[in-house]
Amino acid sequence: MLAIHICNFFTFYSFIAVYALPAVCMPASSLHILYVALQSRGILTLSFDPSKSVQTSLEILDTNTDAGFMPGWLTDGGDKLYSISRTHFPTNASASGGNGIIGEASYLFKYNLSHPGPGTNGSQIQSNPHEAIFDPSGQYMFVNDRGADLIYVYHVDGPDNVIRISTVVMPPGTGPRHTTFRVFNSTRTFMYLVSELDNTVRVFTLDGVFNNRDREPTAHQASLNIMLRQTASTLAPGSSRTLPNDTFLASEVALSNDGKFAYVSNRATKTLASDTLSIYSVHPNIGNDSAHLVYLGQNNTYGKVPRHFSVSPDAETRYVAVANEVSQNLVILERDPATGFMTGIKGIISFGTFDVTQNLGPAAVIWDRGYDCESEWAG
């Protein structure tokens, strides 16, 4: 039987490269700019022109080879782009190339696993903190430990005041992976967690946050109440969890910019057929927590192993960019803002042939958020 083994880099050490980005502000009708972490080459800058054909709308503008070994993640911070790269552990390297500098760590947290979890293919034989992300208020940091089935929660009041305030214990074999957020009001935020091993997306409420940026938070607002509201399958309607047997591995979660739809990428490991994006409508105002997310169906990713995807930053979320790791292609899908479903391919570019080792293909893709001036100023 064919099996694609999603790699677990337990023997790799990550470090950060920083790149200055040009201030790009172009009309919404002109070129879109994207950045791709391509493990075999470095950080690619691409243009996307939706007025062109599917085969010619994507063009590589630049390849930055200072991104270190196998760049595996990208995030932006204003005029800076941050890349996570890998090298073999142990190493004395603190940063790769790029043209920015990150100072010494003010806090260092080490994670351990008390006993192996039920995940197969070595996925839970040791701690594996898969993501560190701040909530929209900037007060709290969440670290998803896929190996230990834990979410570590920290209150952050500057680089020298980082305190772990909570640990959320997930059911064995969950494999918490990535998180996104949606502000509900000044004191409540919804948190959406996609879990890789049991193929679920969970909805939490974060109460006690301070989302009013016009005023400084007071001391008593450092109290956070985290409550699970819903568990939804990433593969079908309902709340069923899969066994953590690597047959399917959910990878990413994102919301449309109006908050009306949620998306999760699915990776099927027993076939080379194209993978899928699951689509949900989002209902934060209803009294029934179990229906916060309503499963609508799936769309094709037109590639294999969508390790990461991101939505375009315009108000209507007109496009979704999908980085298919094994098939080594980037696909731009056009989205219907009324239904939430994808209506077709607007761009596709190949970086190589099928690579089941997962050592070469795209690991992350993000949009440059400076291109749509009108949306940025309105938002």
Protein backbone atom coordinates (compact mmCIF):
# COMPACT_ATOMS: atom_id res chain seq x y z
CA MET A 1 0.00 0.00 0.00
CA LEU A 2 1.21 3.47 -0.89
CA ALA A 3 2.00 5.60 2.12
CA ILE A 4 3.33 9.13 2.36
CA HIS A 5 5.09 9.61 5.67
CA ILE A 6 4.67 13.15 6.90
CA CYS A 7 8.09 13.90 8.32
CA ASN A 8 8.69 14.78 11.96
CA PHE A 9 11.93 16.76 12.32
CA PHE A 10 12.85 15.78 15.86
CA THR A 11 16.57 16.11 15.17
CA PHE A 12 16.40 19.57 13.65
CA TYR A 13 16.97 22.90 15.30
CA SER A 14 15.09 25.96 14.00
CA PHE A 15 16.47 29.44 13.68
CA ILE A 16 15.15 32.69 12.28
CA ALA A 17 16.18 34.81 9.33
CA VAL A 18 14.85 38.36 8.94
CA TYR A 19 14.38 40.16 5.63
CA ALA A 20 13.38 43.78 4.99
CA LEU A 21 10.50 44.08 2.55
CA PRO A 22 9.94 46.98 0.18
CA ALA A 23 6.94 49.18 0.94
CA VAL A 24 4.52 47.92 -1.70
CA CYS A 25 1.17 49.65 -2.15
CA MET A 26 -0.52 48.98 -5.48
CA PRO A 27 -4.14 49.18 -6.61
CA ALA A 28 -6.20 46.05 -5.99
CA SER A 29 -6.54 45.50 -9.75
CA SER A 30 -2.79 45.21 -10.34
CA LEU A 31 -0.22 42.62 -9.34
CA HIS A 32 -0.40 40.67 -6.11
CA ILE A 33 2.85 39.70 -4.38
CA LEU A 34 3.39 36.41 -2.55
CA TYR A 35 6.30 34.82 -0.67
CA VAL A 36 6.98 31.08 -0.64
CA ALA A 37 9.32 29.11 1.62
CA LEU A 38 10.67 26.56 -0.84
CA GLN A 39 12.79 24.00 1.01
CA SER A 40 15.05 23.25 -1.95
CA ARG A 41 15.89 26.85 -2.90
CA GLY A 42 15.05 29.53 -0.33
CA ILE A 43 12.47 32.30 -0.09
CA LEU A 44 10.76 33.04 -3.39
CA THR A 45 9.01 36.30 -4.26
CA LEU A 46 6.25 35.79 -6.82
CA SER A 47 3.82 38.04 -8.64
CA PHE A 48 0.24 37.00 -9.35
CA ASP A 49 -1.70 38.74 -12.11
CA PRO A 50 -5.31 37.44 -12.17
CA SER A 51 -5.88 39.02 -15.59
CA LYS A 52 -3.49 36.50 -17.16
CA SER A 53 -4.04 32.84 -17.97
CA VAL A 54 -3.83 30.13 -15.33
CA GLN A 55 -0.44 28.99 -16.62
CA THR A 56 1.13 32.48 -16.84
CA SER A 57 -0.46 34.43 -13.95
CA LEU A 58 2.27 33.40 -11.46
CA GLU A 59 5.85 34.51 -12.02
CA ILE A 60 8.97 34.15 -9.85
CA LEU A 61 10.49 37.61 -9.32
CA ASP A 62 13.28 36.79 -6.88
CA THR A 63 14.92 33.90 -5.04
CA ASN A 64 16.61 34.65 -1.71
CA THR A 65 19.14 31.93 -0.98
CA ASP A 66 20.15 33.31 2.43
CA ALA A 67 17.24 31.57 4.14
CA GLY A 68 19.30 28.77 5.65
CA PHE A 69 18.66 25.06 5.37
CA MET A 70 15.16 23.97 4.31
CA PRO A 71 13.13 27.09 5.18
CA GLY A 72 9.95 25.78 6.73
CA TRP A 73 7.82 28.75 7.74
CA LEU A 74 7.11 32.39 6.93
CA THR A 75 5.41 35.23 8.75
CA ASP A 76 5.36 38.96 8.19
CA GLY A 77 5.76 41.79 10.65
CA GLY A 78 5.10 45.06 8.91
CA ASP A 79 8.07 45.72 6.64
CA LYS A 80 9.90 42.55 7.76
CA LEU A 81 9.58 38.95 6.66
CA TYR A 82 10.60 36.22 9.14
CA SER A 83 11.70 32.80 7.97
CA ILE A 84 12.15 29.70 10.11
CA SER A 85 14.96 27.49 8.83
CA ARG A 86 16.36 24.16 9.95
CA THR A 87 19.80 22.88 10.79
CA HIS A 88 20.90 19.71 12.51
CA PHE A 89 20.84 19.83 16.31
CA PRO A 90 22.97 20.69 18.21
CA THR A 91 24.31 23.82 16.61
CA ASN A 92 25.71 27.15 17.70
CA ALA A 93 23.93 29.02 14.92
CA SER A 94 21.46 31.58 16.21
CA ALA A 95 20.30 33.02 12.89
CA SER A 96 20.70 32.43 9.20
CA GLY A 97 21.27 35.08 6.55
CA GLY A 98 18.81 37.77 5.66
CA ASN A 99 19.28 41.45 6.41
CA GLY A 100 17.82 41.82 9.86
CA ILE A 101 18.97 41.04 13.36
CA ILE A 102 17.19 39.33 16.25
CA GLY A 103 18.65 39.81 19.70
CA GLU A 104 19.40 37.15 22.29
CA ALA A 105 16.40 35.32 23.75
CA SER A 106 15.09 36.89 26.95
CA TYR A 107 13.28 33.67 27.94
CA LEU A 108 13.96 30.07 27.00
CA PHE A 109 11.37 27.36 27.58
CA LYS A 110 12.22 23.68 27.21
CA TYR A 111 9.50 21.12 26.69
CA ASN A 112 9.53 17.45 27.62
CA LEU A 113 7.26 14.48 27.12
CA SER A 114 6.50 12.39 30.20
CA HIS A 115 5.40 9.36 28.15
CA PRO A 116 4.84 8.60 24.45
CA GLY A 117 1.42 9.29 22.99
CA PRO A 118 -0.68 7.03 20.74
CA GLY A 119 0.30 8.80 17.49
CA THR A 120 1.96 6.53 14.93
CA ASN A 121 4.98 7.15 12.66
CA GLY A 122 6.97 8.67 15.52
CA SER A 123 4.61 11.61 15.82
CA GLN A 124 4.32 11.45 19.63
CA ILE A 125 7.54 9.93 20.91
CA GLN A 126 8.72 13.27 22.24
CA SER A 127 7.59 16.84 22.74
CA ASN A 128 7.07 18.71 19.48
CA PRO A 129 6.04 22.37 19.95
CA HIS A 130 4.68 23.04 16.48
CA GLU A 131 3.64 26.67 16.67
CA ALA A 132 3.96 29.72 18.92
CA ILE A 133 1.36 32.41 18.21
CA PHE A 134 0.04 35.53 19.93
CA ASP A 135 -3.67 36.23 20.28
CA PRO A 136 -4.93 39.48 18.64
CA SER A 137 -4.56 41.46 21.88
CA GLY A 138 -0.85 40.63 22.04
CA GLN A 139 -1.18 39.72 25.72
CA TYR A 140 -1.19 35.95 25.40
CA MET A 141 1.00 33.46 23.58
CA PHE A 142 -0.12 29.93 22.73
CA VAL A 143 2.31 27.08 22.03
CA ASN A 144 0.78 23.97 20.45
CA ASP A 145 2.74 20.84 21.39
CA ARG A 146 1.78 18.21 18.85
CA GLY A 147 3.82 15.50 20.52
CA ALA A 148 2.51 15.99 24.06
CA ASP A 149 -1.13 16.85 23.26
CA LEU A 150 -0.80 20.09 25.20
CA ILE A 151 -1.31 23.80 24.60
CA TYR A 152 0.94 26.00 26.74
CA VAL A 153 -0.48 29.45 27.46
CA TYR A 154 1.71 32.41 28.47
CA HIS A 155 0.92 35.94 29.58
CA VAL A 156 3.39 38.30 27.92
CA ASP A 157 4.01 41.80 29.23
CA GLY A 158 7.18 42.60 27.35
CA PRO A 159 10.26 40.48 26.55
CA ASP A 160 11.34 40.30 30.20
CA ASN A 161 7.96 39.38 31.66
CA VAL A 162 6.75 36.07 30.20
CA ILE A 163 4.76 33.81 32.53
CA ARG A 164 3.13 30.48 31.83
CA ILE A 165 -0.41 30.85 33.19
CA SER A 166 -2.14 27.72 31.91
CA THR A 167 -1.73 24.39 30.17
CA VAL A 168 -4.63 23.06 28.13
CA VAL A 169 -4.66 19.25 28.14
CA MET A 170 -6.00 17.73 24.93
CA PRO A 171 -7.29 14.14 24.52
CA PRO A 172 -4.54 11.59 23.75
CA GLY A 173 -3.78 11.39 20.05
CA THR A 174 -5.02 14.90 19.24
CA GLY A 175 -1.80 16.40 17.86
CA PRO A 176 -2.55 20.15 18.21
CA ARG A 177 -0.89 21.90 15.27
CA HIS A 178 -1.94 25.43 14.24
CA THR A 179 -4.23 28.17 15.53
CA THR A 180 -6.04 31.23 14.25
CA PHE A 181 -8.21 33.80 16.03
CA ARG A 182 -11.22 36.04 15.52
CA VAL A 183 -12.03 38.99 17.81
CA PHE A 184 -15.68 38.90 18.95
CA ASN A 185 -15.83 41.92 21.25
CA SER A 186 -13.60 43.91 23.59
CA THR A 187 -13.20 41.02 26.06
CA ARG A 188 -13.83 37.86 24.00
CA THR A 189 -11.89 36.22 21.19
CA PHE A 190 -12.64 32.95 19.42
CA MET A 191 -9.68 30.60 18.96
CA TYR A 192 -9.69 27.93 16.24
CA LEU A 193 -7.27 25.02 16.68
CA VAL A 194 -6.60 22.48 13.94
CA SER A 195 -5.25 19.17 15.21
CA GLU A 196 -3.16 17.05 12.90
CA LEU A 197 -3.56 13.56 14.32
CA ASP A 198 -7.27 13.32 15.13
CA ASN A 199 -8.28 15.56 12.19
CA THR A 200 -10.42 18.04 14.05
CA VAL A 201 -10.84 21.77 14.38
CA ARG A 202 -11.76 22.94 17.87
CA VAL A 203 -13.39 26.23 18.77
CA PHE A 204 -12.45 27.86 22.07
CA THR A 205 -13.57 31.10 23.66
CA LEU A 206 -10.94 33.30 25.26
CA ASP A 207 -12.65 35.50 27.85
CA GLY A 208 -10.84 38.19 29.77
CA VAL A 209 -8.72 39.37 26.85
CA PHE A 210 -8.24 43.09 26.27
CA ASN A 211 -9.09 43.83 22.64
CA ASN A 212 -9.58 47.58 23.13
CA ARG A 213 -6.33 49.03 21.83
CA ASP A 214 -7.41 52.58 22.64
CA ARG A 215 -6.74 51.99 26.33
CA GLU A 216 -3.99 50.27 28.28
CA PRO A 217 -4.97 47.00 30.00
CA THR A 218 -5.24 47.04 33.75
CA ALA A 219 -3.63 44.49 36.04
CA HIS A 220 -6.77 42.48 36.68
CA GLN A 221 -7.19 41.89 32.96
CA ALA A 222 -4.29 39.46 32.97
CA SER A 223 -6.84 36.77 33.89
CA LEU A 224 -7.82 34.52 31.00
CA ASN A 225 -10.66 32.00 30.85
CA ILE A 226 -10.31 29.38 28.09
CA MET A 227 -13.33 27.21 27.29
CA LEU A 228 -13.82 24.57 24.59
CA ARG A 229 -17.06 25.24 22.70
CA GLN A 230 -17.02 22.82 19.75
CA THR A 231 -15.10 19.98 18.15
CA ALA A 232 -15.67 19.49 14.42
CA SER A 233 -14.26 16.90 12.04
CA THR A 234 -12.08 18.18 9.22
CA LEU A 235 -13.20 15.35 6.94
CA ALA A 236 -17.00 15.26 7.17
CA PRO A 237 -19.99 16.72 9.05
CA GLY A 238 -20.08 16.01 12.77
CA SER A 239 -17.51 15.84 15.54
CA SER A 240 -15.88 12.44 15.00
CA ARG A 241 -12.17 12.17 15.74
CA THR A 242 -9.99 9.85 13.68
CA LEU A 243 -7.49 7.45 15.14
CA PRO A 244 -3.97 8.98 15.19
CA ASN A 245 -2.78 6.54 12.54
CA ASP A 246 -1.49 9.01 9.92
CA THR A 247 -4.11 8.09 7.32
CA PHE A 248 -5.23 11.71 7.22
CA LEU A 249 -3.30 14.67 8.65
CA ALA A 250 -4.96 18.08 8.93
CA SER A 251 -2.43 20.87 8.49
CA GLU A 252 -3.69 24.47 8.51
CA VAL A 253 -6.71 26.58 9.50
CA ALA A 254 -7.71 30.06 8.36
CA LEU A 255 -10.76 32.33 8.28
CA SER A 256 -12.03 34.53 5.48
CA ASN A 257 -11.41 38.19 6.25
CA ASP A 258 -15.09 38.84 6.95
CA GLY A 259 -15.10 35.96 9.45
CA LYS A 260 -17.99 34.19 7.73
CA PHE A 261 -16.09 31.09 6.59
CA ALA A 262 -13.35 28.83 7.94
CA TYR A 263 -10.98 26.59 5.98
CA VAL A 264 -8.83 23.58 6.89
CA SER A 265 -6.36 21.74 4.66
CA ASN A 266 -6.37 17.94 4.65
CA ARG A 267 -3.49 15.61 3.72
CA ALA A 268 -4.32 12.02 2.75
CA THR A 269 -1.26 9.78 3.07
CA LYS A 270 -2.45 6.58 1.39
CA THR A 271 -3.01 7.97 -2.09
CA LEU A 272 -1.33 10.34 -4.53
CA ALA A 273 -4.69 11.80 -5.53
CA SER A 274 -5.18 15.52 -4.99
CA ASP A 275 -5.93 16.66 -1.44
CA THR A 276 -8.70 18.93 -0.17
CA LEU A 277 -9.72 22.06 1.69
CA SER A 278 -12.68 21.66 4.04
CA ILE A 279 -15.08 24.60 4.25
CA TYR A 280 -17.25 25.72 7.17
CA SER A 281 -19.67 28.57 7.71
CA VAL A 282 -19.04 30.44 10.97
CA HIS A 283 -21.83 31.40 13.40
CA PRO A 284 -20.48 33.15 16.51
CA ASN A 285 -23.74 34.77 17.65
CA ILE A 286 -25.96 31.74 18.10
CA GLY A 287 -26.66 30.19 21.48
CA ASN A 288 -25.80 26.66 20.31
CA ASP A 289 -22.02 26.28 20.71
CA SER A 290 -22.03 22.98 18.82
CA ALA A 291 -23.08 24.80 15.65
CA HIS A 292 -20.48 27.56 15.71
CA LEU A 293 -18.85 25.85 12.72
CA VAL A 294 -21.12 24.20 10.15
CA TYR A 295 -19.40 21.87 7.69
CA LEU A 296 -20.27 22.77 4.09
CA GLY A 297 -18.05 20.52 2.00
CA GLN A 298 -14.64 20.34 0.34
CA ASN A 299 -12.68 21.80 -2.55
CA ASN A 300 -9.77 20.27 -4.46
CA THR A 301 -6.27 21.68 -3.79
CA TYR A 302 -5.03 20.53 -7.23
CA GLY A 303 -1.92 19.10 -5.64
CA LYS A 304 -0.56 16.71 -3.03
CA VAL A 305 0.04 17.47 0.66
CA PRO A 306 -1.16 21.06 1.17
CA ARG A 307 1.16 21.73 4.07
CA HIS A 308 0.14 25.37 4.18
CA PHE A 309 -2.30 27.81 2.61
CA SER A 310 -3.19 31.45 3.13
CA VAL A 311 -6.05 33.74 2.16
CA SER A 312 -5.55 36.98 0.25
CA PRO A 313 -5.72 40.11 2.43
CA ASP A 314 -8.42 41.97 0.50
CA ALA A 315 -11.78 42.52 2.20
CA GLU A 316 -13.57 39.94 0.04
CA THR A 317 -10.83 37.30 0.35
CA ARG A 318 -10.94 36.78 -3.39
CA TYR A 319 -8.13 34.19 -3.51
CA VAL A 320 -6.58 31.33 -1.57
CA ALA A 321 -2.94 30.36 -2.16
CA VAL A 322 -2.14 26.68 -1.51
CA ALA A 323 1.41 25.33 -1.09
CA ASN A 324 1.30 21.65 -2.08
CA GLU A 325 4.48 20.12 -0.67
CA VAL A 326 4.73 16.70 -2.34
CA SER A 327 3.49 17.73 -5.79
CA GLN A 328 5.76 20.80 -5.50
CA ASN A 329 3.33 23.36 -6.84
CA LEU A 330 1.66 26.58 -5.78
CA VAL A 331 -2.00 26.96 -6.68
CA ILE A 332 -4.13 30.11 -6.54
CA LEU A 333 -7.84 29.39 -6.15
CA GLU A 334 -10.56 31.95 -6.73
CA ARG A 335 -13.19 32.15 -3.97
CA ASP A 336 -16.88 33.01 -4.05
CA PRO A 337 -17.38 35.36 -1.07
CA ALA A 338 -21.10 34.52 -0.90
CA THR A 339 -20.84 30.70 -0.72
CA GLY A 340 -17.27 30.35 0.62
CA PHE A 341 -16.43 27.74 -2.03
CA MET A 342 -13.63 27.94 -4.56
CA THR A 343 -14.78 28.56 -8.11
CA GLY A 344 -11.64 27.45 -9.94
CA ILE A 345 -7.91 27.83 -10.48
CA LYS A 346 -6.55 31.31 -11.24
CA GLY A 347 -2.88 30.38 -11.18
CA ILE A 348 -0.54 27.40 -10.89
CA ILE A 349 3.24 27.11 -10.94
CA SER A 350 5.44 24.04 -10.53
CA PHE A 351 8.71 23.98 -8.59
CA GLY A 352 9.64 20.39 -9.46
CA THR A 353 8.39 16.83 -9.75
CA PHE A 354 6.66 14.73 -7.09
CA ASP A 355 8.82 14.45 -3.97
CA VAL A 356 7.51 11.98 -1.41
CA THR A 357 10.52 12.68 0.83
CA GLN A 358 9.01 16.14 1.51
CA ASN A 359 12.47 17.68 1.58
CA LEU A 360 12.14 19.90 -1.48
CA GLY A 361 8.67 21.36 -1.89
CA PRO A 362 6.95 24.52 -0.63
CA ALA A 363 6.41 24.60 3.14
CA ALA A 364 4.61 27.94 3.50
CA VAL A 365 3.07 30.73 1.45
CA ILE A 366 1.94 34.21 2.51
CA TRP A 367 0.57 37.26 0.71
CA ASP A 368 2.20 40.66 0.79
CA ARG A 369 -0.34 42.80 2.62
CA GLY A 370 0.74 46.08 1.12
CA TYR A 371 -0.72 45.65 -2.34
CA ASP A 372 -4.35 46.62 -1.65
CA CYS A 373 -4.18 50.17 -0.30
CA GLU A 374 -7.93 50.69 -0.14
CA SER A 375 -8.61 47.55 1.90
CA GLU A 376 -5.71 48.23 4.25
CA TRP A 377 -6.81 51.80 4.96
CA ALA A 378 -10.46 50.76 5.35
CA GLY A 379 -9.60 47.92 7.72
